[in-house]
């Protein structure tokens, strides 16, 4: 259930973008009618409307996530606050300047921000954030926790670079293809990495128990 909750903004972003692509005139009409004052020059082209509309929905969905957690008196993870800040800033720039390059940078900034936080705590503060988050759920040798932290740092840094490669080189000028990569490619890579980490950790947990 939490997995679907975390993916809520991405699912809505993808659904609205695909609808906008298939109904470009309708999407353009919505953007012109409701978002015109928020856009530099007073409006955007029909081709730009799907990504602008999807970005607005992505921002709203992320803020709704935070609102729901606050109303439910549940903890809002730091990662969600960072994600909200990035999508508001980069998404806002995408809307105002009607330039999808800003929203294409959003995943990279988010991945690198998380990697930088992990790196800062690991090297400067001498604290393993991954152990702090997962330590109560599993017992692992200290060297393994270091491996986990550095693996996440390297993975997030690499995934950020991959997003830039796909957005501005492989799929340059093809926003639709980049959206597909963002929703399916990056999410799939993330899932495979988590599975690989899980297999690695299960091996060490078995050794620890033995």
N, C-alpha and C. Protein backbone atom coordinates (compact mmCIF):
# COMPACT_ATOMS: atom_id res chain seq x y z
N UNK A 1 0.83 -1.20 0.00
CA UNK A 1 0.00 0.00 0.00
C UNK A 1 0.87 1.26 0.00
N UNK A 2 1.93 1.26 0.82
CA UNK A 2 2.83 2.41 0.87
C UNK A 2 3.51 2.62 -0.47
N UNK A 3 3.81 1.51 -1.17
CA UNK A 3 4.45 1.60 -2.48
C UNK A 3 3.58 2.40 -3.44
N UNK A 4 2.27 2.11 -3.46
CA UNK A 4 1.35 2.82 -4.34
C UNK A 4 1.21 4.27 -3.89
N UNK A 5 1.22 4.50 -2.57
CA UNK A 5 1.13 5.86 -2.05
C UNK A 5 2.33 6.69 -2.51
N UNK A 6 3.52 6.08 -2.46
CA UNK A 6 4.73 6.78 -2.88
C UNK A 6 4.70 7.09 -4.38
N UNK A 7 4.08 6.19 -5.16
CA UNK A 7 4.04 6.36 -6.61
C UNK A 7 2.87 7.21 -7.08
N UNK A 8 2.03 7.63 -6.16
CA UNK A 8 0.81 8.38 -6.50
C UNK A 8 1.07 9.57 -7.43
N UNK A 9 2.03 10.45 -7.12
CA UNK A 9 2.28 11.59 -8.02
C UNK A 9 2.77 11.16 -9.40
N UNK A 10 3.63 10.12 -9.43
CA UNK A 10 4.18 9.65 -10.71
C UNK A 10 3.08 9.07 -11.58
N UNK A 11 2.19 8.28 -10.96
CA UNK A 11 1.10 7.67 -11.71
C UNK A 11 0.19 8.75 -12.31
N UNK A 12 -0.15 9.74 -11.49
CA UNK A 12 -1.00 10.83 -11.98
C UNK A 12 -0.30 11.64 -13.06
N UNK A 13 0.99 11.93 -12.85
CA UNK A 13 1.77 12.67 -13.84
C UNK A 13 1.72 11.95 -15.18
N UNK A 14 1.98 10.64 -15.17
CA UNK A 14 2.00 9.86 -16.40
C UNK A 14 0.63 9.82 -17.05
N UNK A 15 -0.42 9.58 -16.24
CA UNK A 15 -1.77 9.49 -16.78
C UNK A 15 -2.22 10.78 -17.43
N UNK A 16 -1.95 11.90 -16.76
CA UNK A 16 -2.36 13.20 -17.31
C UNK A 16 -1.55 13.54 -18.56
N UNK A 17 -0.27 13.22 -18.54
CA UNK A 17 0.56 13.49 -19.73
C UNK A 17 0.06 12.70 -20.93
N UNK A 18 -0.23 11.42 -20.71
CA UNK A 18 -0.71 10.59 -21.82
C UNK A 18 -2.07 11.10 -22.32
N UNK A 19 -2.94 11.48 -21.39
CA UNK A 19 -4.23 12.04 -21.80
C UNK A 19 -4.02 13.32 -22.61
N UNK A 20 -3.12 14.17 -22.15
CA UNK A 20 -2.84 15.42 -22.84
C UNK A 20 -2.29 15.19 -24.24
N UNK A 21 -1.45 14.17 -24.39
CA UNK A 21 -0.91 13.86 -25.72
C UNK A 21 -2.01 13.44 -26.67
N UNK A 22 -2.96 12.63 -26.15
CA UNK A 22 -4.04 12.15 -27.01
C UNK A 22 -5.16 13.15 -27.20
N UNK A 23 -5.19 14.18 -26.36
CA UNK A 23 -6.24 15.20 -26.44
C UNK A 23 -5.58 16.59 -26.33
N UNK A 24 -4.69 16.85 -27.27
CA UNK A 24 -3.86 18.05 -27.18
C UNK A 24 -4.66 19.35 -27.18
N UNK A 25 -5.70 19.39 -27.98
CA UNK A 25 -6.51 20.61 -28.03
C UNK A 25 -7.21 20.86 -26.70
N UNK A 26 -7.73 19.78 -26.09
CA UNK A 26 -8.41 19.91 -24.80
C UNK A 26 -7.41 20.31 -23.71
N UNK A 27 -6.23 19.70 -23.75
CA UNK A 27 -5.18 20.04 -22.78
C UNK A 27 -4.76 21.50 -22.93
N UNK A 28 -4.63 21.93 -24.18
CA UNK A 28 -4.25 23.31 -24.44
C UNK A 28 -5.32 24.27 -23.93
N UNK A 29 -6.58 23.90 -24.11
CA UNK A 29 -7.67 24.74 -23.63
C UNK A 29 -7.65 24.88 -22.11
N UNK A 30 -7.37 23.77 -21.40
CA UNK A 30 -7.30 23.81 -19.94
C UNK A 30 -6.13 24.68 -19.47
N UNK A 31 -4.99 24.52 -20.13
CA UNK A 31 -3.82 25.31 -19.76
C UNK A 31 -4.08 26.79 -19.98
N UNK A 32 -4.66 27.14 -21.13
CA UNK A 32 -4.92 28.55 -21.43
C UNK A 32 -5.97 29.14 -20.48
N UNK A 33 -6.97 28.34 -20.15
CA UNK A 33 -8.06 28.85 -19.33
C UNK A 33 -7.68 29.02 -17.86
N UNK A 34 -6.96 28.01 -17.32
CA UNK A 34 -6.72 28.00 -15.88
C UNK A 34 -5.29 28.38 -15.47
N UNK A 35 -4.35 28.22 -16.38
CA UNK A 35 -2.95 28.45 -16.01
C UNK A 35 -2.31 29.63 -16.71
N UNK A 36 -3.07 30.29 -17.57
CA UNK A 36 -2.51 31.41 -18.32
C UNK A 36 -1.79 32.44 -17.46
N UNK A 37 -2.38 32.89 -16.32
CA UNK A 37 -1.70 33.89 -15.49
C UNK A 37 -0.39 33.40 -14.87
N UNK A 38 -0.21 32.08 -14.81
CA UNK A 38 1.01 31.53 -14.21
C UNK A 38 2.12 31.32 -15.23
N UNK A 39 1.82 31.56 -16.50
CA UNK A 39 2.78 31.28 -17.56
C UNK A 39 3.32 32.58 -18.16
N UNK A 40 4.62 32.61 -18.31
CA UNK A 40 5.26 33.79 -18.91
C UNK A 40 4.72 34.00 -20.33
N UNK A 41 4.32 35.21 -20.62
CA UNK A 41 3.77 35.49 -21.94
C UNK A 41 2.28 35.23 -22.02
N UNK A 42 1.70 34.70 -20.93
CA UNK A 42 0.26 34.50 -20.88
C UNK A 42 -0.26 33.20 -21.45
N UNK A 43 0.63 32.33 -21.90
CA UNK A 43 0.15 31.05 -22.43
C UNK A 43 1.27 30.20 -23.01
N UNK A 44 0.90 28.99 -23.40
CA UNK A 44 1.86 28.05 -23.97
C UNK A 44 1.28 27.50 -25.27
N UNK A 45 2.11 26.83 -26.05
CA UNK A 45 1.64 26.23 -27.29
C UNK A 45 0.90 24.93 -26.99
N UNK A 46 0.17 24.43 -27.96
CA UNK A 46 -0.56 23.18 -27.79
C UNK A 46 0.40 22.03 -27.51
N UNK A 47 1.57 22.04 -28.16
CA UNK A 47 2.55 20.96 -27.97
C UNK A 47 3.13 20.96 -26.56
N UNK A 48 3.21 22.14 -25.93
CA UNK A 48 3.76 22.23 -24.58
C UNK A 48 2.73 21.92 -23.50
N UNK A 49 1.47 21.94 -23.86
CA UNK A 49 0.40 21.82 -22.86
C UNK A 49 0.38 20.50 -22.10
N UNK A 50 0.60 19.32 -22.74
CA UNK A 50 0.56 18.08 -21.97
C UNK A 50 1.55 18.03 -20.82
N UNK A 51 2.80 18.44 -21.04
CA UNK A 51 3.80 18.37 -19.98
C UNK A 51 3.51 19.41 -18.90
N UNK A 52 2.99 20.58 -19.29
CA UNK A 52 2.65 21.61 -18.31
C UNK A 52 1.50 21.13 -17.42
N UNK A 53 0.47 20.57 -18.04
CA UNK A 53 -0.67 20.07 -17.28
C UNK A 53 -0.25 18.93 -16.36
N UNK A 54 0.58 18.01 -16.86
CA UNK A 54 1.05 16.89 -16.05
C UNK A 54 1.90 17.38 -14.88
N UNK A 55 2.71 18.41 -15.12
CA UNK A 55 3.56 18.96 -14.07
C UNK A 55 2.72 19.58 -12.95
N UNK A 56 1.68 20.32 -13.34
CA UNK A 56 0.77 20.90 -12.34
C UNK A 56 0.16 19.80 -11.47
N UNK A 57 -0.32 18.75 -12.11
CA UNK A 57 -0.94 17.64 -11.38
C UNK A 57 0.08 16.96 -10.48
N UNK A 58 1.33 16.81 -10.96
CA UNK A 58 2.37 16.20 -10.14
C UNK A 58 2.65 17.01 -8.89
N UNK A 59 2.68 18.35 -9.03
CA UNK A 59 2.90 19.22 -7.87
C UNK A 59 1.74 19.09 -6.88
N UNK A 60 0.51 19.16 -7.40
CA UNK A 60 -0.66 19.05 -6.53
C UNK A 60 -0.69 17.72 -5.81
N UNK A 61 -0.39 16.63 -6.53
CA UNK A 61 -0.42 15.30 -5.93
C UNK A 61 0.60 15.17 -4.81
N UNK A 62 1.79 15.72 -5.02
CA UNK A 62 2.82 15.66 -3.98
C UNK A 62 2.40 16.45 -2.75
N UNK A 63 1.82 17.63 -2.95
CA UNK A 63 1.35 18.44 -1.82
C UNK A 63 0.19 17.76 -1.11
N UNK A 64 -0.66 17.06 -1.87
CA UNK A 64 -1.76 16.31 -1.26
C UNK A 64 -1.22 15.17 -0.38
N UNK A 65 -0.16 14.52 -0.84
CA UNK A 65 0.48 13.48 -0.02
C UNK A 65 0.87 14.03 1.34
N UNK A 66 1.57 15.16 1.33
CA UNK A 66 2.03 15.78 2.57
C UNK A 66 0.84 16.20 3.42
N UNK A 67 -0.16 16.81 2.78
CA UNK A 67 -1.35 17.23 3.51
C UNK A 67 -2.06 16.08 4.18
N UNK A 68 -2.18 14.97 3.46
CA UNK A 68 -2.84 13.78 4.03
C UNK A 68 -2.09 13.27 5.26
N UNK A 69 -0.77 13.20 5.15
CA UNK A 69 0.04 12.71 6.28
C UNK A 69 -0.07 13.65 7.48
N UNK A 70 -0.06 14.95 7.23
CA UNK A 70 -0.17 15.91 8.32
C UNK A 70 -1.52 15.83 9.00
N UNK A 71 -2.59 15.75 8.19
CA UNK A 71 -3.95 15.64 8.75
C UNK A 71 -4.10 14.35 9.54
N UNK A 72 -3.47 13.27 9.04
CA UNK A 72 -3.54 11.97 9.71
C UNK A 72 -2.58 11.89 10.90
N UNK A 73 -1.83 12.97 11.11
CA UNK A 73 -0.84 13.03 12.19
C UNK A 73 0.20 11.92 12.07
N UNK A 74 0.59 11.69 10.82
CA UNK A 74 1.64 10.72 10.55
C UNK A 74 2.92 11.48 10.18
N UNK A 75 4.03 10.83 10.36
CA UNK A 75 5.31 11.47 10.08
C UNK A 75 5.51 11.66 8.58
N UNK A 76 5.92 12.85 8.20
CA UNK A 76 6.28 13.13 6.81
C UNK A 76 7.78 12.93 6.68
N UNK A 77 8.18 11.92 5.91
CA UNK A 77 9.60 11.62 5.76
C UNK A 77 10.35 12.81 5.16
N UNK A 78 11.60 12.95 5.58
CA UNK A 78 12.43 14.01 5.03
C UNK A 78 12.55 13.92 3.52
N UNK A 79 12.57 12.69 2.99
CA UNK A 79 12.68 12.49 1.55
C UNK A 79 11.48 13.11 0.82
N UNK A 80 10.29 13.02 1.45
CA UNK A 80 9.09 13.58 0.82
C UNK A 80 9.15 15.09 0.83
N UNK A 81 9.67 15.68 1.91
CA UNK A 81 9.82 17.14 1.96
C UNK A 81 10.78 17.62 0.87
N UNK A 82 11.89 16.89 0.72
CA UNK A 82 12.87 17.25 -0.32
C UNK A 82 12.25 17.11 -1.71
N UNK A 83 11.53 16.01 -1.91
CA UNK A 83 10.88 15.78 -3.19
C UNK A 83 9.88 16.88 -3.52
N UNK A 84 9.12 17.30 -2.50
CA UNK A 84 8.13 18.35 -2.71
C UNK A 84 8.81 19.66 -3.07
N UNK A 85 9.90 19.98 -2.38
CA UNK A 85 10.62 21.23 -2.66
C UNK A 85 11.16 21.25 -4.09
N UNK A 86 11.72 20.12 -4.51
CA UNK A 86 12.31 20.05 -5.86
C UNK A 86 11.24 20.16 -6.93
N UNK A 87 10.13 19.44 -6.76
CA UNK A 87 9.11 19.46 -7.81
C UNK A 87 8.41 20.81 -7.86
N UNK A 88 8.26 21.48 -6.71
CA UNK A 88 7.65 22.81 -6.71
C UNK A 88 8.55 23.80 -7.45
N UNK A 89 9.85 23.75 -7.17
CA UNK A 89 10.78 24.70 -7.80
C UNK A 89 10.95 24.40 -9.29
N UNK A 90 11.31 23.15 -9.61
CA UNK A 90 11.57 22.81 -11.01
C UNK A 90 10.27 22.74 -11.82
N UNK A 91 9.22 22.23 -11.18
CA UNK A 91 7.93 22.20 -11.86
C UNK A 91 7.40 23.60 -12.07
N UNK A 92 7.58 24.46 -11.07
CA UNK A 92 7.15 25.85 -11.22
C UNK A 92 7.87 26.55 -12.36
N UNK A 93 9.17 26.28 -12.50
CA UNK A 93 9.93 26.86 -13.61
C UNK A 93 9.44 26.33 -14.94
N UNK A 94 9.10 25.05 -14.98
CA UNK A 94 8.57 24.44 -16.21
C UNK A 94 7.28 25.13 -16.64
N UNK A 95 6.40 25.38 -15.65
CA UNK A 95 5.11 26.01 -15.94
C UNK A 95 5.30 27.46 -16.36
N UNK A 96 6.03 28.21 -15.57
CA UNK A 96 6.16 29.65 -15.82
C UNK A 96 6.88 29.94 -17.14
N UNK A 97 7.95 29.19 -17.40
CA UNK A 97 8.75 29.42 -18.60
C UNK A 97 8.33 28.54 -19.77
N UNK A 98 7.28 27.74 -19.56
CA UNK A 98 6.81 26.71 -20.51
C UNK A 98 7.99 26.04 -21.21
N UNK A 99 8.88 25.49 -20.37
CA UNK A 99 10.10 24.83 -20.84
C UNK A 99 10.25 23.50 -20.09
N UNK A 100 10.10 22.39 -20.81
CA UNK A 100 10.12 21.08 -20.14
C UNK A 100 11.52 20.65 -19.70
N UNK A 101 12.55 21.40 -20.06
CA UNK A 101 13.90 21.04 -19.61
C UNK A 101 14.02 21.07 -18.09
N UNK A 102 13.26 21.95 -17.44
CA UNK A 102 13.34 22.06 -15.98
C UNK A 102 12.79 20.81 -15.31
N UNK A 103 11.64 20.32 -15.75
CA UNK A 103 11.05 19.12 -15.13
C UNK A 103 11.91 17.89 -15.46
N UNK A 104 12.62 17.91 -16.58
CA UNK A 104 13.51 16.80 -16.91
C UNK A 104 14.70 16.74 -15.96
N UNK A 105 15.09 17.90 -15.43
CA UNK A 105 16.18 17.93 -14.45
C UNK A 105 15.73 17.47 -13.07
N UNK A 106 14.44 17.53 -12.80
CA UNK A 106 13.92 17.24 -11.46
C UNK A 106 14.36 15.89 -10.89
N UNK A 107 14.23 14.74 -11.63
CA UNK A 107 14.68 13.47 -11.06
C UNK A 107 16.16 13.47 -10.71
N UNK A 108 16.98 14.07 -11.58
CA UNK A 108 18.42 14.10 -11.33
C UNK A 108 18.74 14.89 -10.07
N UNK A 109 18.14 16.06 -9.92
CA UNK A 109 18.37 16.87 -8.72
C UNK A 109 17.94 16.10 -7.48
N UNK A 110 16.82 15.39 -7.57
CA UNK A 110 16.32 14.62 -6.43
C UNK A 110 17.28 13.49 -6.08
N UNK A 111 17.71 12.72 -7.09
CA UNK A 111 18.64 11.62 -6.83
C UNK A 111 19.95 12.14 -6.24
N UNK A 112 20.47 13.21 -6.83
CA UNK A 112 21.75 13.75 -6.35
C UNK A 112 21.61 14.37 -4.96
N UNK A 113 20.44 14.94 -4.67
CA UNK A 113 20.22 15.51 -3.33
C UNK A 113 20.25 14.41 -2.28
N UNK A 114 19.58 13.29 -2.56
CA UNK A 114 19.59 12.17 -1.61
C UNK A 114 20.99 11.59 -1.46
N UNK A 115 21.69 11.47 -2.59
CA UNK A 115 23.06 10.94 -2.54
C UNK A 115 23.95 11.88 -1.73
N UNK A 116 23.78 13.19 -1.92
CA UNK A 116 24.60 14.16 -1.19
C UNK A 116 24.31 14.12 0.31
N UNK A 117 23.05 13.93 0.68
CA UNK A 117 22.69 13.83 2.10
C UNK A 117 23.34 12.60 2.72
N UNK A 118 23.24 11.47 2.03
CA UNK A 118 23.86 10.23 2.52
C UNK A 118 25.38 10.40 2.65
N UNK A 119 25.98 11.04 1.63
CA UNK A 119 27.42 11.24 1.62
C UNK A 119 27.85 12.17 2.76
N UNK A 120 27.11 13.24 2.97
CA UNK A 120 27.44 14.20 4.03
C UNK A 120 27.43 13.52 5.40
N UNK A 121 26.37 12.79 5.67
CA UNK A 121 26.27 12.13 6.98
C UNK A 121 27.34 11.04 7.13
N UNK A 122 27.63 10.33 6.03
CA UNK A 122 28.59 9.24 6.09
C UNK A 122 30.01 9.75 6.32
N UNK A 123 30.38 10.84 5.63
CA UNK A 123 31.78 11.30 5.68
C UNK A 123 32.02 12.42 6.68
N UNK A 124 31.08 13.33 6.83
CA UNK A 124 31.27 14.49 7.70
C UNK A 124 30.74 14.24 9.11
N UNK A 125 29.51 13.72 9.18
CA UNK A 125 28.89 13.50 10.48
C UNK A 125 29.25 12.16 11.09
N UNK A 126 29.81 11.27 10.27
CA UNK A 126 30.17 9.95 10.78
C UNK A 126 28.96 9.12 11.17
N UNK A 127 27.85 9.34 10.47
CA UNK A 127 26.61 8.63 10.78
C UNK A 127 26.09 7.95 9.53
N UNK A 128 25.73 6.68 9.66
CA UNK A 128 25.20 5.92 8.54
C UNK A 128 23.68 6.05 8.54
N UNK A 129 23.14 6.86 7.62
CA UNK A 129 21.70 7.07 7.60
C UNK A 129 20.93 5.81 7.25
N UNK A 130 21.50 4.97 6.40
CA UNK A 130 20.82 3.73 6.04
C UNK A 130 20.66 2.83 7.26
N UNK A 131 21.67 2.80 8.10
CA UNK A 131 21.57 2.01 9.33
C UNK A 131 20.54 2.63 10.26
N UNK A 132 20.49 3.96 10.32
CA UNK A 132 19.53 4.64 11.18
C UNK A 132 18.10 4.32 10.76
N UNK A 133 17.88 4.22 9.46
CA UNK A 133 16.53 3.96 8.93
C UNK A 133 16.16 2.49 9.03
N UNK A 134 17.12 1.61 8.72
CA UNK A 134 16.82 0.18 8.61
C UNK A 134 17.34 -0.65 9.78
N UNK A 135 18.11 -0.02 10.67
CA UNK A 135 18.77 -0.78 11.74
C UNK A 135 17.85 -1.52 12.67
N UNK A 136 16.65 -0.97 12.91
CA UNK A 136 15.72 -1.64 13.82
C UNK A 136 15.09 -2.87 13.18
N UNK A 137 15.04 -2.89 11.85
CA UNK A 137 14.40 -4.01 11.15
C UNK A 137 15.36 -5.16 10.89
N UNK A 138 16.66 -4.89 10.87
CA UNK A 138 17.63 -5.95 10.60
C UNK A 138 18.96 -5.67 11.28
N UNK A 139 19.63 -6.72 11.65
CA UNK A 139 20.95 -6.62 12.29
C UNK A 139 22.01 -7.06 11.29
N UNK A 140 22.96 -6.17 11.03
CA UNK A 140 24.02 -6.46 10.07
C UNK A 140 25.37 -6.04 10.64
N UNK A 141 26.43 -6.68 10.20
CA UNK A 141 27.77 -6.25 10.63
C UNK A 141 28.04 -4.82 10.14
N UNK A 142 28.84 -4.09 10.87
CA UNK A 142 29.12 -2.70 10.54
C UNK A 142 29.70 -2.53 9.13
N UNK A 143 30.63 -3.40 8.68
CA UNK A 143 31.16 -3.25 7.31
C UNK A 143 30.06 -3.37 6.25
N UNK A 144 29.04 -4.19 6.54
CA UNK A 144 27.94 -4.35 5.58
C UNK A 144 27.11 -3.07 5.51
N UNK A 145 26.89 -2.44 6.67
CA UNK A 145 26.15 -1.18 6.66
C UNK A 145 26.89 -0.12 5.85
N UNK A 146 28.21 -0.11 5.93
CA UNK A 146 28.99 0.84 5.13
C UNK A 146 28.82 0.55 3.65
N UNK A 147 28.81 -0.74 3.31
CA UNK A 147 28.61 -1.13 1.91
C UNK A 147 27.24 -0.69 1.42
N UNK A 148 26.24 -0.85 2.27
CA UNK A 148 24.88 -0.44 1.92
C UNK A 148 24.83 1.06 1.64
N UNK A 149 25.42 1.84 2.53
CA UNK A 149 25.40 3.30 2.37
C UNK A 149 26.11 3.73 1.09
N UNK A 150 27.30 3.21 0.86
CA UNK A 150 28.06 3.60 -0.33
C UNK A 150 27.41 3.09 -1.61
N UNK A 151 26.74 1.94 -1.52
CA UNK A 151 26.03 1.42 -2.68
C UNK A 151 24.89 2.35 -3.08
N UNK A 152 24.15 2.85 -2.09
CA UNK A 152 23.06 3.77 -2.37
C UNK A 152 23.59 5.09 -2.91
N UNK A 153 24.67 5.57 -2.35
CA UNK A 153 25.27 6.83 -2.83
C UNK A 153 25.67 6.70 -4.30
N UNK A 154 26.38 5.62 -4.62
CA UNK A 154 26.81 5.39 -6.00
C UNK A 154 25.65 5.19 -6.94
N UNK A 155 24.65 4.43 -6.50
CA UNK A 155 23.49 4.15 -7.33
C UNK A 155 22.71 5.42 -7.65
N UNK A 156 22.43 6.23 -6.64
CA UNK A 156 21.67 7.45 -6.85
C UNK A 156 22.43 8.45 -7.74
N UNK A 157 23.75 8.54 -7.53
CA UNK A 157 24.55 9.42 -8.37
C UNK A 157 24.51 8.96 -9.83
N UNK A 158 24.63 7.65 -10.04
CA UNK A 158 24.61 7.10 -11.40
C UNK A 158 23.24 7.25 -12.04
N UNK A 159 22.18 7.05 -11.26
CA UNK A 159 20.83 7.16 -11.80
C UNK A 159 20.54 8.61 -12.22
N UNK A 160 21.08 9.55 -11.45
CA UNK A 160 20.93 10.95 -11.83
C UNK A 160 21.60 11.25 -13.16
N UNK A 161 22.78 10.70 -13.35
CA UNK A 161 23.50 10.88 -14.62
C UNK A 161 22.75 10.21 -15.76
N UNK A 162 22.20 9.03 -15.50
CA UNK A 162 21.46 8.31 -16.53
C UNK A 162 20.24 9.10 -16.97
N UNK A 163 19.56 9.73 -16.03
CA UNK A 163 18.39 10.54 -16.39
C UNK A 163 18.77 11.67 -17.33
N UNK A 164 19.90 12.34 -17.04
CA UNK A 164 20.35 13.42 -17.92
C UNK A 164 20.70 12.89 -19.31
N UNK A 165 21.34 11.73 -19.36
CA UNK A 165 21.70 11.12 -20.63
C UNK A 165 20.46 10.83 -21.46
N UNK A 166 19.45 10.25 -20.81
CA UNK A 166 18.23 9.90 -21.54
C UNK A 166 17.45 11.14 -21.95
N UNK A 167 17.41 12.15 -21.06
CA UNK A 167 16.59 13.33 -21.32
C UNK A 167 17.19 14.23 -22.40
N UNK A 168 18.52 14.40 -22.36
CA UNK A 168 19.13 15.41 -23.20
C UNK A 168 20.04 14.87 -24.31
N UNK A 169 20.21 13.56 -24.35
CA UNK A 169 21.03 12.97 -25.41
C UNK A 169 20.23 11.92 -26.18
N UNK A 170 19.87 10.83 -25.51
CA UNK A 170 19.17 9.73 -26.18
C UNK A 170 17.79 10.17 -26.68
N UNK A 171 17.02 10.82 -25.80
CA UNK A 171 15.67 11.24 -26.15
C UNK A 171 15.57 12.77 -26.28
N UNK A 172 16.62 13.40 -26.74
CA UNK A 172 16.63 14.85 -26.88
C UNK A 172 15.50 15.30 -27.80
N UNK A 173 14.68 16.22 -27.30
CA UNK A 173 13.58 16.73 -28.10
C UNK A 173 12.37 15.82 -28.14
N UNK A 174 12.42 14.69 -27.43
CA UNK A 174 11.31 13.74 -27.42
C UNK A 174 10.82 13.56 -25.98
N UNK A 175 9.98 14.48 -25.55
CA UNK A 175 9.49 14.47 -24.17
C UNK A 175 8.70 13.21 -23.86
N UNK A 176 7.94 12.73 -24.82
CA UNK A 176 7.13 11.52 -24.61
C UNK A 176 8.00 10.32 -24.27
N UNK A 177 9.09 10.14 -25.01
CA UNK A 177 9.99 9.01 -24.76
C UNK A 177 10.65 9.16 -23.39
N UNK A 178 11.01 10.40 -23.03
CA UNK A 178 11.62 10.60 -21.71
C UNK A 178 10.64 10.29 -20.60
N UNK A 179 9.37 10.67 -20.75
CA UNK A 179 8.35 10.35 -19.74
C UNK A 179 8.24 8.85 -19.56
N UNK A 180 8.27 8.11 -20.67
CA UNK A 180 8.23 6.64 -20.58
C UNK A 180 9.42 6.11 -19.79
N UNK A 181 10.61 6.66 -20.07
CA UNK A 181 11.80 6.23 -19.32
C UNK A 181 11.66 6.56 -17.85
N UNK A 182 11.20 7.76 -17.53
CA UNK A 182 11.06 8.20 -16.15
C UNK A 182 10.12 7.28 -15.37
N UNK A 183 8.99 6.96 -15.98
CA UNK A 183 7.98 6.18 -15.27
C UNK A 183 8.32 4.70 -15.24
N UNK A 184 8.75 4.15 -16.37
CA UNK A 184 8.98 2.71 -16.44
C UNK A 184 10.46 2.33 -16.31
N UNK A 185 11.33 3.03 -17.04
CA UNK A 185 12.74 2.68 -17.02
C UNK A 185 13.39 2.94 -15.68
N UNK A 186 13.30 4.19 -15.19
CA UNK A 186 13.94 4.53 -13.92
C UNK A 186 13.31 3.78 -12.76
N UNK A 187 11.98 3.64 -12.78
CA UNK A 187 11.30 2.90 -11.71
C UNK A 187 11.72 1.44 -11.73
N UNK A 188 11.84 0.86 -12.92
CA UNK A 188 12.28 -0.54 -13.03
C UNK A 188 13.70 -0.73 -12.53
N UNK A 189 14.59 0.20 -12.89
CA UNK A 189 15.98 0.13 -12.42
C UNK A 189 16.03 0.23 -10.90
N UNK A 190 15.23 1.14 -10.35
CA UNK A 190 15.16 1.33 -8.90
C UNK A 190 14.71 0.03 -8.24
N UNK A 191 13.69 -0.60 -8.80
CA UNK A 191 13.16 -1.85 -8.25
C UNK A 191 14.21 -2.96 -8.30
N UNK A 192 14.90 -3.09 -9.42
CA UNK A 192 15.93 -4.12 -9.56
C UNK A 192 17.06 -3.91 -8.56
N UNK A 193 17.43 -2.65 -8.34
CA UNK A 193 18.48 -2.35 -7.37
C UNK A 193 18.05 -2.76 -5.96
N UNK A 194 16.80 -2.45 -5.60
CA UNK A 194 16.30 -2.81 -4.28
C UNK A 194 16.28 -4.32 -4.12
N UNK A 195 15.88 -5.04 -5.17
CA UNK A 195 15.87 -6.51 -5.12
C UNK A 195 17.29 -7.04 -4.92
N UNK A 196 18.24 -6.48 -5.67
CA UNK A 196 19.64 -6.91 -5.55
C UNK A 196 20.17 -6.64 -4.15
N UNK A 197 19.85 -5.47 -3.60
CA UNK A 197 20.28 -5.15 -2.24
C UNK A 197 19.64 -6.09 -1.24
N UNK A 198 18.38 -6.41 -1.46
CA UNK A 198 17.68 -7.33 -0.56
C UNK A 198 18.32 -8.70 -0.54
N UNK A 199 18.71 -9.19 -1.71
CA UNK A 199 19.36 -10.49 -1.80
C UNK A 199 20.71 -10.47 -1.09
N UNK A 200 21.43 -9.38 -1.26
CA UNK A 200 22.72 -9.25 -0.60
C UNK A 200 22.57 -9.19 0.92
N UNK A 201 21.61 -8.43 1.37
CA UNK A 201 21.40 -8.28 2.81
C UNK A 201 20.89 -9.57 3.44
N UNK A 202 20.04 -10.29 2.73
CA UNK A 202 19.52 -11.55 3.28
C UNK A 202 20.64 -12.55 3.50
N UNK A 203 21.62 -12.53 2.62
CA UNK A 203 22.78 -13.42 2.79
C UNK A 203 23.54 -13.08 4.05
N UNK A 204 23.77 -11.81 4.31
CA UNK A 204 24.51 -11.39 5.50
C UNK A 204 23.70 -11.59 6.77
N UNK A 205 22.39 -11.44 6.66
CA UNK A 205 21.55 -11.67 7.84
C UNK A 205 21.57 -13.13 8.22
N UNK A 206 21.58 -14.02 7.24
CA UNK A 206 21.67 -15.45 7.51
C UNK A 206 23.00 -15.78 8.17
N UNK A 207 24.07 -15.15 7.68
CA UNK A 207 25.38 -15.39 8.27
C UNK A 207 25.43 -14.88 9.70
N UNK A 208 24.79 -13.73 9.94
CA UNK A 208 24.76 -13.14 11.28
C UNK A 208 24.01 -14.05 12.25
N UNK A 209 22.87 -14.59 11.79
CA UNK A 209 22.07 -15.47 12.63
C UNK A 209 22.83 -16.75 12.93
N UNK A 210 23.57 -17.25 11.94
CA UNK A 210 24.34 -18.47 12.13
C UNK A 210 25.46 -18.25 13.17
